[in-house]
Protein backbone atom coordinates (compact mmCIF):
# COMPACT_ATOMS: atom_id res chain seq x y z
CA MET A 1 -20.68 39.92 -13.12
CA SER A 2 -18.90 36.74 -11.88
CA VAL A 3 -21.44 34.78 -14.09
CA ILE A 4 -19.53 36.38 -17.18
CA TYR A 5 -16.33 34.99 -16.06
CA ILE A 6 -17.87 31.49 -15.61
CA LEU A 7 -19.43 31.36 -18.99
CA ILE A 8 -16.09 32.45 -20.58
CA ILE A 9 -14.24 29.77 -18.93
CA VAL A 10 -17.08 27.06 -19.67
CA SER A 11 -17.03 28.21 -23.38
CA LEU A 12 -13.25 28.13 -23.64
CA CYS A 13 -13.52 24.54 -22.25
CA VAL A 14 -16.15 23.47 -24.83
CA ALA A 15 -14.15 25.19 -27.64
CA VAL A 16 -11.01 23.22 -26.39
CA VAL A 17 -12.65 19.81 -26.52
CA PHE A 18 -14.34 20.32 -29.77
CA LEU A 19 -11.11 21.19 -31.31
CA ALA A 20 -9.13 18.00 -29.70
CA VAL A 21 -12.30 16.04 -31.29
CA PHE A 22 -11.41 17.48 -34.71
CA PHE A 23 -7.79 16.98 -34.43
CA LEU A 24 -8.53 13.26 -33.37
CA ALA A 25 -10.88 12.56 -36.54
CA VAL A 26 -8.20 14.06 -38.59
CA LYS A 27 -5.52 12.01 -37.21
CA ASN A 28 -7.68 8.84 -37.65
CA GLY A 29 -8.10 9.56 -41.34
CA GLN A 30 -11.88 10.43 -41.12
CA PHE A 31 -11.51 13.26 -43.71
CA GLU A 32 -9.07 11.66 -46.06
CA ASP A 33 -11.51 10.44 -49.01
CA ASP A 34 -13.48 13.90 -49.76
CA GLU A 35 -14.21 12.97 -53.34
CA THR A 36 -15.64 9.53 -53.61
CA PRO A 37 -18.78 10.39 -51.74
CA ALA A 38 -19.47 13.40 -53.98
CA ILE A 39 -19.18 10.89 -57.24
CA ARG A 40 -20.67 7.60 -55.84
CA MET A 41 -24.14 8.45 -57.28
CA LEU A 42 -22.48 8.37 -60.83
CA PHE A 43 -21.15 4.67 -60.28
CA ASN A 44 -23.18 1.93 -61.95
CA ASP A 45 -24.36 -0.50 -59.24
CA ASP A 46 -25.98 -2.88 -61.95
CA VAL A 47 -22.64 -5.07 -62.02
CA LYS A 48 -23.09 -6.04 -58.40
CA ASN A 49 -26.83 -7.15 -59.14
CA LYS A 50 -25.76 -8.91 -62.06
CA GLN A 51 -23.03 -11.07 -60.44
CA GLU A 52 -25.52 -12.53 -57.78
């Protein structure tokens, strides 16, 4: 029965670590640009090749 208590404590610690990493990523702006990756494939890359 004591193993269950240890597993609950360990799982709560892991959850807190993941939550802290998520908040750190949000604070650093990791999730700010959510529109550009979805439409990046629609951009014309030939302009870059013609300039070279």
